[in-house]
PDB file of all heavy atoms in Angstrom:
ATOM      1  N   GLU A   1      44.663 -45.824  46.549  1.00  0.00           N
ATOM      2  CA  GLU A   1      43.447 -45.231  47.116  1.00  0.00           C
ATOM      3  C   GLU A   1      43.514 -45.149  48.643  1.00  0.00           C
ATOM      4  O   GLU A   1      42.581 -44.656  49.274  1.00  0.00           O
ATOM      5  CB  GLU A   1      42.216 -46.037  46.701  1.00  0.00           C
ATOM      6  CG  GLU A   1      41.942 -46.029  45.197  1.00  0.00           C
ATOM      7  CD  GLU A   1      40.723 -46.852  44.834  1.00  0.00           C
ATOM      8  OE1 GLU A   1      40.081 -47.402  45.751  1.00  0.00           O
ATOM      9  OE2 GLU A   1      40.417 -46.950  43.629  1.00  0.00           O
ATOM     10  N   LEU A   2      44.617 -45.623  49.221  1.00  0.00           N
ATOM     11  CA  LEU A   2      44.736 -45.694  50.675  1.00  0.00           C
ATOM     12  C   LEU A   2      45.736 -44.665  51.195  1.00  0.00           C
ATOM     13  O   LEU A   2      46.679 -44.282  50.503  1.00  0.00           O
ATOM     14  CB  LEU A   2      45.187 -47.098  51.098  1.00  0.00           C
ATOM     15  CG  LEU A   2      44.309 -48.268  50.651  1.00  0.00           C
ATOM     16  CD1 LEU A   2      44.948 -49.585  51.095  1.00  0.00           C
ATOM     17  CD2 LEU A   2      42.898 -48.142  51.202  1.00  0.00           C
ATOM     18  N   ALA A   3      45.534 -44.264  52.443  1.00  0.00           N
ATOM     19  CA  ALA A   3      46.492 -43.385  53.116  1.00  0.00           C
ATOM     20  C   ALA A   3      47.747 -44.176  53.471  1.00  0.00           C
ATOM     21  O   ALA A   3      47.702 -45.401  53.606  1.00  0.00           O
ATOM     22  CB  ALA A   3      45.862 -42.810  54.385  1.00  0.00           C
ATOM     23  N   PRO A   4      48.904 -43.502  53.611  1.00  0.00           N
ATOM     24  CA  PRO A   4      50.153 -44.217  53.899  1.00  0.00           C
ATOM     25  C   PRO A   4      50.077 -45.165  55.090  1.00  0.00           C
ATOM     26  O   PRO A   4      50.596 -46.283  55.029  1.00  0.00           O
ATOM     27  CB  PRO A   4      51.152 -43.076  54.145  1.00  0.00           C
ATOM     28  CG  PRO A   4      50.648 -41.964  53.278  1.00  0.00           C
ATOM     29  CD  PRO A   4      49.150 -42.061  53.363  1.00  0.00           C
ATOM     30  N   HIS A   5      49.426 -44.759  56.201  1.00  0.00           N
ATOM     31  CA  HIS A   5      49.373 -45.642  57.367  1.00  0.00           C
ATOM     32  C   HIS A   5      48.514 -46.871  57.102  1.00  0.00           C
ATOM     33  O   HIS A   5      48.754 -47.943  57.665  1.00  0.00           O
ATOM     34  CB  HIS A   5      48.876 -44.885  58.598  1.00  0.00           C
ATOM     35  CG  HIS A   5      47.428 -44.518  58.577  1.00  0.00           C
ATOM     36  ND1 HIS A   5      46.939 -43.451  57.858  1.00  0.00           N
ATOM     37  CD2 HIS A   5      46.354 -45.077  59.198  1.00  0.00           C
ATOM     38  CE1 HIS A   5      45.636 -43.364  58.030  1.00  0.00           C
ATOM     39  NE2 HIS A   5      45.248 -44.342  58.832  1.00  0.00           N
ATOM     40  N   LYS A   6      47.536 -46.750  56.223  1.00  0.00           N
ATOM     41  CA  LYS A   6      46.726 -47.903  55.840  1.00  0.00           C
ATOM     42  C   LYS A   6      47.533 -48.870  54.969  1.00  0.00           C
ATOM     43  O   LYS A   6      47.362 -50.092  55.049  1.00  0.00           O
ATOM     44  CB  LYS A   6      45.478 -47.447  55.093  1.00  0.00           C
ATOM     45  CG  LYS A   6      44.503 -46.634  55.928  1.00  0.00           C
ATOM     46  CD  LYS A   6      43.809 -47.496  56.967  1.00  0.00           C
ATOM     47  CE  LYS A   6      42.722 -46.732  57.686  1.00  0.00           C
ATOM     48  NZ  LYS A   6      42.051 -47.554  58.734  1.00  0.00           N
ATOM     49  N   ILE A   7      48.411 -48.320  54.149  1.00  0.00           N
ATOM     50  CA  ILE A   7      49.270 -49.152  53.300  1.00  0.00           C
ATOM     51  C   ILE A   7      50.232 -49.955  54.167  1.00  0.00           C
ATOM     52  O   ILE A   7      50.477 -51.144  53.922  1.00  0.00           O
ATOM     53  CB  ILE A   7      50.019 -48.272  52.277  1.00  0.00           C
ATOM     54  CG1 ILE A   7      49.020 -47.637  51.300  1.00  0.00           C
ATOM     55  CG2 ILE A   7      51.070 -49.086  51.516  1.00  0.00           C
ATOM     56  CD1 ILE A   7      49.619 -46.623  50.359  1.00  0.00           C
ATOM     57  N   VAL A   8      50.769 -49.323  55.210  1.00  0.00           N
ATOM     58  CA  VAL A   8      51.630 -50.044  56.155  1.00  0.00           C
ATOM     59  C   VAL A   8      50.851 -51.187  56.796  1.00  0.00           C
ATOM     60  O   VAL A   8      51.353 -52.305  56.937  1.00  0.00           O
ATOM     61  CB  VAL A   8      52.163 -49.083  57.237  1.00  0.00           C
ATOM     62  CG1 VAL A   8      52.879 -49.866  58.334  1.00  0.00           C
ATOM     63  CG2 VAL A   8      53.113 -48.065  56.624  1.00  0.00           C
ATOM     64  N   ALA A   9      49.602 -50.913  57.169  1.00  0.00           N
ATOM     65  CA  ALA A   9      48.768 -51.936  57.801  1.00  0.00           C
ATOM     66  C   ALA A   9      48.474 -53.097  56.853  1.00  0.00           C
ATOM     67  O   ALA A   9      48.203 -54.216  57.306  1.00  0.00           O
ATOM     68  CB  ALA A   9      47.459 -51.315  58.292  1.00  0.00           C
ATOM     69  N   CYS A  10      48.539 -52.843  55.552  1.00  0.00           N
ATOM     70  CA  CYS A  10      48.343 -53.908  54.559  1.00  0.00           C
ATOM     71  C   CYS A  10      49.576 -54.794  54.412  1.00  0.00           C
ATOM     72  O   CYS A  10      49.514 -55.831  53.738  1.00  0.00           O
ATOM     73  CB  CYS A  10      47.976 -53.300  53.205  1.00  0.00           C
ATOM     74  SG  CYS A  10      46.339 -52.557  53.125  1.00  0.00           S
ATOM     75  N   GLY A  11      50.696 -54.371  55.005  1.00  0.00           N
ATOM     76  CA  GLY A  11      51.898 -55.197  54.967  1.00  0.00           C
ATOM     77  C   GLY A  11      53.013 -54.679  54.093  1.00  0.00           C
ATOM     78  O   GLY A  11      53.797 -55.452  53.543  1.00  0.00           O
ATOM     79  N   VAL A  12      53.115 -53.365  53.958  1.00  0.00           N
ATOM     80  CA  VAL A  12      54.179 -52.757  53.150  1.00  0.00           C
ATOM     81  C   VAL A  12      55.070 -51.920  54.064  1.00  0.00           C
ATOM     82  O   VAL A  12      54.585 -51.058  54.800  1.00  0.00           O
ATOM     83  CB  VAL A  12      53.605 -51.862  52.034  1.00  0.00           C
ATOM     84  CG1 VAL A  12      54.732 -51.230  51.217  1.00  0.00           C
ATOM     85  CG2 VAL A  12      52.677 -52.670  51.117  1.00  0.00           C
ATOM     86  N   ALA A  13      56.370 -52.163  54.033  1.00  0.00           N
ATOM     87  CA  ALA A  13      57.325 -51.383  54.823  1.00  0.00           C
ATOM     88  C   ALA A  13      58.506 -51.019  53.938  1.00  0.00           C
ATOM     89  O   ALA A  13      58.776 -51.688  52.932  1.00  0.00           O
ATOM     90  CB  ALA A  13      57.794 -52.165  56.048  1.00  0.00           C
ATOM     91  N   ARG A  14      59.221 -49.979  54.325  1.00  0.00           N
ATOM     92  CA  ARG A  14      60.339 -49.514  53.494  1.00  0.00           C
ATOM     93  C   ARG A  14      61.476 -48.961  54.339  1.00  0.00           C
ATOM     94  O   ARG A  14      61.298 -48.622  55.514  1.00  0.00           O
ATOM     95  CB  ARG A  14      59.861 -48.420  52.533  1.00  0.00           C
ATOM     96  CG  ARG A  14      59.551 -47.101  53.236  1.00  0.00           C
ATOM     97  CD  ARG A  14      59.206 -45.981  52.273  1.00  0.00           C
ATOM     98  NE  ARG A  14      60.328 -45.612  51.420  1.00  0.00           N
ATOM     99  CZ  ARG A  14      60.275 -44.647  50.494  1.00  0.00           C
ATOM    100  NH1 ARG A  14      59.154 -43.975  50.307  1.00  0.00           N
ATOM    101  NH2 ARG A  14      61.328 -44.347  49.773  1.00  0.00           N
ATOM    102  N   THR A  15      62.629 -48.886  53.709  1.00  0.00           N
ATOM    103  CA  THR A  15      63.724 -48.084  54.230  1.00  0.00           C
ATOM    104  C   THR A  15      63.939 -46.939  53.243  1.00  0.00           C
ATOM    105  O   THR A  15      63.328 -46.905  52.177  1.00  0.00           O
ATOM    106  CB  THR A  15      65.022 -48.904  54.362  1.00  0.00           C
ATOM    107  OG1 THR A  15      65.455 -49.323  53.057  1.00  0.00           O
ATOM    108  CG2 THR A  15      64.801 -50.118  55.245  1.00  0.00           C
ATOM    109  N   PHE A  16      64.820 -46.014  53.600  1.00  0.00           N
ATOM    110  CA  PHE A  16      64.968 -44.800  52.807  1.00  0.00           C
ATOM    111  C   PHE A  16      66.398 -44.658  52.285  1.00  0.00           C
ATOM    112  O   PHE A  16      67.356 -45.131  52.893  1.00  0.00           O
ATOM    113  CB  PHE A  16      64.596 -43.566  53.625  1.00  0.00           C
ATOM    114  CG  PHE A  16      63.138 -43.496  53.974  1.00  0.00           C
ATOM    115  CD1 PHE A  16      62.651 -44.124  55.114  1.00  0.00           C
ATOM    116  CD2 PHE A  16      62.252 -42.825  53.158  1.00  0.00           C
ATOM    117  CE1 PHE A  16      61.308 -44.065  55.441  1.00  0.00           C
ATOM    118  CE2 PHE A  16      60.898 -42.762  53.467  1.00  0.00           C
ATOM    119  CZ  PHE A  16      60.424 -43.381  54.607  1.00  0.00           C
ATOM    120  N   GLN A  17      66.498 -43.966  51.153  1.00  0.00           N
ATOM    121  CA  GLN A  17      67.809 -43.703  50.564  1.00  0.00           C
ATOM    122  C   GLN A  17      68.679 -42.918  51.544  1.00  0.00           C
ATOM    123  O   GLN A  17      69.858 -43.217  51.719  1.00  0.00           O
ATOM    124  CB  GLN A  17      67.613 -42.918  49.258  1.00  0.00           C
ATOM    125  CG  GLN A  17      68.883 -42.693  48.461  1.00  0.00           C
ATOM    126  CD  GLN A  17      68.591 -42.041  47.125  1.00  0.00           C
ATOM    127  OE1 GLN A  17      67.448 -41.972  46.684  1.00  0.00           O
ATOM    128  NE2 GLN A  17      69.614 -41.555  46.479  1.00  0.00           N
ATOM    129  N   ASN A  18      68.098 -41.916  52.176  1.00  0.00           N
ATOM    130  CA  ASN A  18      68.760 -41.179  53.246  1.00  0.00           C
ATOM    131  C   ASN A  18      68.177 -41.677  54.569  1.00  0.00           C
ATOM    132  O   ASN A  18      66.969 -41.565  54.793  1.00  0.00           O
ATOM    133  CB  ASN A  18      68.510 -39.672  53.098  1.00  0.00           C
ATOM    134  CG  ASN A  18      69.066 -39.134  51.789  1.00  0.00           C
ATOM    135  OD1 ASN A  18      70.197 -39.420  51.432  1.00  0.00           O
ATOM    136  ND2 ASN A  18      68.257 -38.381  51.067  1.00  0.00           N
ATOM    137  N   ILE A  19      69.031 -42.234  55.402  1.00  0.00           N
ATOM    138  CA  ILE A  19      68.569 -42.900  56.628  1.00  0.00           C
ATOM    139  C   ILE A  19      67.699 -41.958  57.455  1.00  0.00           C
ATOM    140  O   ILE A  19      68.060 -40.809  57.705  1.00  0.00           O
ATOM    141  CB  ILE A  19      69.767 -43.371  57.465  1.00  0.00           C
ATOM    142  CG1 ILE A  19      70.607 -44.371  56.671  1.00  0.00           C
ATOM    143  CG2 ILE A  19      69.303 -44.011  58.763  1.00  0.00           C
ATOM    144  CD1 ILE A  19      71.882 -44.779  57.362  1.00  0.00           C
ATOM    145  N   ARG A  20      66.548 -42.466  57.888  1.00  0.00           N
ATOM    146  CA  ARG A  20      65.615 -41.657  58.677  1.00  0.00           C
ATOM    147  C   ARG A  20      65.314 -42.368  59.987  1.00  0.00           C
ATOM    148  O   ARG A  20      64.330 -43.079  60.114  1.00  0.00           O
ATOM    149  CB  ARG A  20      64.329 -41.403  57.881  1.00  0.00           C
ATOM    150  CG  ARG A  20      64.570 -40.639  56.592  1.00  0.00           C
ATOM    151  CD  ARG A  20      63.288 -40.301  55.881  1.00  0.00           C
ATOM    152  NE  ARG A  20      63.543 -39.664  54.607  1.00  0.00           N
ATOM    153  CZ  ARG A  20      62.598 -39.230  53.780  1.00  0.00           C
ATOM    154  NH1 ARG A  20      61.331 -39.373  54.113  1.00  0.00           N
ATOM    155  NH2 ARG A  20      62.913 -38.673  52.630  1.00  0.00           N
ATOM    156  N   LEU A  21      66.191 -42.165  60.937  1.00  0.00           N
ATOM    157  CA  LEU A  21      66.000 -42.712  62.274  1.00  0.00           C
ATOM    158  C   LEU A  21      65.588 -41.597  63.228  1.00  0.00           C
ATOM    159  O   LEU A  21      65.747 -40.413  62.933  1.00  0.00           O
ATOM    160  CB  LEU A  21      67.297 -43.356  62.774  1.00  0.00           C
ATOM    161  CG  LEU A  21      67.832 -44.531  61.964  1.00  0.00           C
ATOM    162  CD1 LEU A  21      69.191 -44.960  62.500  1.00  0.00           C
ATOM    163  CD2 LEU A  21      66.855 -45.697  61.988  1.00  0.00           C
ATOM    164  N   PHE A  22      65.060 -41.999  64.385  1.00  0.00           N
ATOM    165  CA  PHE A  22      64.826 -41.049  65.462  1.00  0.00           C
ATOM    166  C   PHE A  22      66.129 -40.962  66.249  1.00  0.00           C
ATOM    167  O   PHE A  22      66.363 -41.713  67.198  1.00  0.00           O
ATOM    168  CB  PHE A  22      63.661 -41.515  66.340  1.00  0.00           C
ATOM    169  CG  PHE A  22      62.357 -41.615  65.604  1.00  0.00           C
ATOM    170  CD1 PHE A  22      61.868 -42.848  65.198  1.00  0.00           C
ATOM    171  CD2 PHE A  22      61.634 -40.469  65.297  1.00  0.00           C
ATOM    172  CE1 PHE A  22      60.670 -42.946  64.512  1.00  0.00           C
ATOM    173  CE2 PHE A  22      60.432 -40.557  64.604  1.00  0.00           C
ATOM    174  CZ  PHE A  22      59.951 -41.791  64.214  1.00  0.00           C
ATOM    175  N   ASN A  23      66.988 -40.036  65.826  1.00  0.00           N
ATOM    176  CA  ASN A  23      68.369 -40.026  66.301  1.00  0.00           C
ATOM    177  C   ASN A  23      68.506 -39.747  67.787  1.00  0.00           C
ATOM    178  O   ASN A  23      69.484 -40.155  68.411  1.00  0.00           O
ATOM    179  CB  ASN A  23      69.187 -39.008  65.503  1.00  0.00           C
ATOM    180  CG  ASN A  23      69.535 -39.515  64.119  1.00  0.00           C
ATOM    181  OD1 ASN A  23      69.865 -40.685  63.945  1.00  0.00           O
ATOM    182  ND2 ASN A  23      69.443 -38.644  63.122  1.00  0.00           N
ATOM    183  N   ASN A  24      67.553 -39.041  68.379  1.00  0.00           N
ATOM    184  CA  ASN A  24      67.651 -38.706  69.801  1.00  0.00           C
ATOM    185  C   ASN A  24      67.106 -39.809  70.697  1.00  0.00           C
ATOM    186  O   ASN A  24      67.196 -39.710  71.925  1.00  0.00           O
ATOM    187  CB  ASN A  24      66.921 -37.387  70.083  1.00  0.00           C
ATOM    188  CG  ASN A  24      67.648 -36.197  69.483  1.00  0.00           C
ATOM    189  OD1 ASN A  24      68.875 -36.180  69.429  1.00  0.00           O
ATOM    190  ND2 ASN A  24      66.902 -35.214  69.019  1.00  0.00           N
ATOM    191  N   LEU A  25      66.527 -40.841  70.097  1.00  0.00           N
ATOM    192  CA  LEU A  25      66.022 -41.975  70.865  1.00  0.00           C
ATOM    193  C   LEU A  25      67.042 -43.107  70.837  1.00  0.00           C
ATOM    194  O   LEU A  25      67.966 -43.115  70.021  1.00  0.00           O
ATOM    195  CB  LEU A  25      64.688 -42.456  70.283  1.00  0.00           C
ATOM    196  CG  LEU A  25      63.532 -41.461  70.294  1.00  0.00           C
ATOM    197  CD1 LEU A  25      62.286 -42.114  69.702  1.00  0.00           C
ATOM    198  CD2 LEU A  25      63.251 -40.952  71.702  1.00  0.00           C
ATOM    199  N   THR A  26      66.857 -44.070  71.722  1.00  0.00           N
ATOM    200  CA  THR A  26      67.756 -45.215  71.738  1.00  0.00           C
ATOM    201  C   THR A  26      67.480 -46.127  70.553  1.00  0.00           C
ATOM    202  O   THR A  26      66.425 -46.040  69.892  1.00  0.00           O
ATOM    203  CB  THR A  26      67.595 -46.034  73.027  1.00  0.00           C
ATOM    204  OG1 THR A  26      66.286 -46.629  73.042  1.00  0.00           O
ATOM    205  CG2 THR A  26      67.803 -45.171  74.254  1.00  0.00           C
ATOM    206  N   VAL A  27      68.421 -47.005  70.307  1.00  0.00           N
ATOM    207  CA  VAL A  27      68.254 -48.019  69.266  1.00  0.00           C
ATOM    208  C   VAL A  27      67.002 -48.847  69.557  1.00  0.00           C
ATOM    209  O   VAL A  27      66.192 -49.111  68.657  1.00  0.00           O
ATOM    210  CB  VAL A  27      69.511 -48.911  69.206  1.00  0.00           C
ATOM    211  CG1 VAL A  27      69.290 -50.131  68.325  1.00  0.00           C
ATOM    212  CG2 VAL A  27      70.713 -48.092  68.719  1.00  0.00           C
ATOM    213  N   LEU A  28      66.838 -49.237  70.818  1.00  0.00           N
ATOM    214  CA  LEU A  28      65.678 -50.032  71.206  1.00  0.00           C
ATOM    215  C   LEU A  28      64.376 -49.279  70.967  1.00  0.00           C
ATOM    216  O   LEU A  28      63.413 -49.830  70.428  1.00  0.00           O
ATOM    217  CB  LEU A  28      65.791 -50.428  72.681  1.00  0.00           C
ATOM    218  CG  LEU A  28      64.627 -51.228  73.281  1.00  0.00           C
ATOM    219  CD1 LEU A  28      64.442 -52.551  72.568  1.00  0.00           C
ATOM    220  CD2 LEU A  28      64.866 -51.451  74.772  1.00  0.00           C
ATOM    221  N   ASP A  29      64.331 -48.012  71.349  1.00  0.00           N
ATOM    222  CA  ASP A  29      63.100 -47.239  71.199  1.00  0.00           C
ATOM    223  C   ASP A  29      62.739 -47.034  69.730  1.00  0.00           C
ATOM    224  O   ASP A  29      61.555 -46.933  69.389  1.00  0.00           O
ATOM    225  CB  ASP A  29      63.234 -45.880  71.892  1.00  0.00           C
ATOM    226  CG  ASP A  29      63.105 -45.990  73.399  1.00  0.00           C
ATOM    227  OD1 ASP A  29      62.558 -47.006  73.869  1.00  0.00           O
ATOM    228  OD2 ASP A  29      63.583 -45.072  74.106  1.00  0.00           O
ATOM    229  N   ASN A  30      63.729 -46.965  68.852  1.00  0.00           N
ATOM    230  CA  ASN A  30      63.446 -46.848  67.430  1.00  0.00           C
ATOM    231  C   ASN A  30      62.633 -48.038  66.924  1.00  0.00           C
ATOM    232  O   ASN A  30      61.750 -47.875  66.086  1.00  0.00           O
ATOM    233  CB  ASN A  30      64.742 -46.721  66.627  1.00  0.00           C
ATOM    234  CG  ASN A  30      65.136 -45.294  66.359  1.00  0.00           C
ATOM    235  OD1 ASN A  30      64.796 -44.714  65.343  1.00  0.00           O
ATOM    236  ND2 ASN A  30      65.874 -44.713  67.302  1.00  0.00           N
ATOM    237  N   VAL A  31      62.931 -49.213  67.442  1.00  0.00           N
ATOM    238  CA  VAL A  31      62.188 -50.402  67.026  1.00  0.00           C
ATOM    239  C   VAL A  31      60.853 -50.482  67.755  1.00  0.00           C
ATOM    240  O   VAL A  31      59.833 -50.870  67.161  1.00  0.00           O
ATOM    241  CB  VAL A  31      63.018 -51.678  67.264  1.00  0.00           C
ATOM    242  CG1 VAL A  31      62.236 -52.920  66.845  1.00  0.00           C
ATOM    243  CG2 VAL A  31      64.332 -51.603  66.478  1.00  0.00           C
ATOM    244  N   LYS A  32      60.832 -50.098  69.026  1.00  0.00           N
ATOM    245  CA  LYS A  32      59.578 -50.148  69.789  1.00  0.00           C
ATOM    246  C   LYS A  32      58.511 -49.245  69.165  1.00  0.00           C
ATOM    247  O   LYS A  32      57.315 -49.573  69.203  1.00  0.00           O
ATOM    248  CB  LYS A  32      59.831 -49.736  71.237  1.00  0.00           C
ATOM    249  CG  LYS A  32      60.556 -50.798  72.058  1.00  0.00           C
ATOM    250  CD  LYS A  32      61.024 -50.278  73.397  1.00  0.00           C
ATOM    251  CE  LYS A  32      59.877 -49.909  74.312  1.00  0.00           C
ATOM    252  NZ  LYS A  32      60.376 -49.481  75.651  1.00  0.00           N
ATOM    253  N   ILE A  33      58.921 -48.139  68.584  1.00  0.00           N
ATOM    254  CA  ILE A  33      57.959 -47.245  67.934  1.00  0.00           C
ATOM    255  C   ILE A  33      57.215 -47.967  66.819  1.00  0.00           C
ATOM    256  O   ILE A  33      56.009 -47.770  66.619  1.00  0.00           O
ATOM    257  CB  ILE A  33      58.681 -45.991  67.401  1.00  0.00           C
ATOM    258  CG1 ILE A  33      59.010 -45.058  68.557  1.00  0.00           C
ATOM    259  CG2 ILE A  33      57.848 -45.266  66.349  1.00  0.00           C
ATOM    260  CD1 ILE A  33      59.837 -43.852  68.172  1.00  0.00           C
ATOM    261  N   ALA A  34      57.930 -48.819  66.085  1.00  0.00           N
ATOM    262  CA  ALA A  34      57.293 -49.563  65.003  1.00  0.00           C
ATOM    263  C   ALA A  34      56.308 -50.605  65.524  1.00  0.00           C
ATOM    264  O   ALA A  34      55.473 -51.108  64.765  1.00  0.00           O
ATOM    265  CB  ALA A  34      58.354 -50.233  64.137  1.00  0.00           C
ATOM    266  N   LEU A  35      56.390 -50.914  66.807  1.00  0.00           N
ATOM    267  CA  LEU A  35      55.502 -51.910  67.424  1.00  0.00           C
ATOM    268  C   LEU A  35      54.356 -51.245  68.185  1.00  0.00           C
ATOM    269  O   LEU A  35      53.764 -51.845  69.079  1.00  0.00           O
ATOM    270  CB  LEU A  35      56.311 -52.788  68.387  1.00  0.00           C
ATOM    271  CG  LEU A  35      57.405 -53.643  67.746  1.00  0.00           C
ATOM    272  CD1 LEU A  35      58.336 -54.208  68.813  1.00  0.00           C
ATOM    273  CD2 LEU A  35      56.807 -54.770  66.923  1.00  0.00           C
TER     274      LEU A  35
END
């Protein structure tokens, strides 16, 4: 019954079968986005 961003806020995170990174950003910025 919740939107995806609300589900994340409930404590659910995932990785993907096909890697989905922000390839044009740095490794550090990829993690900072999650914060």
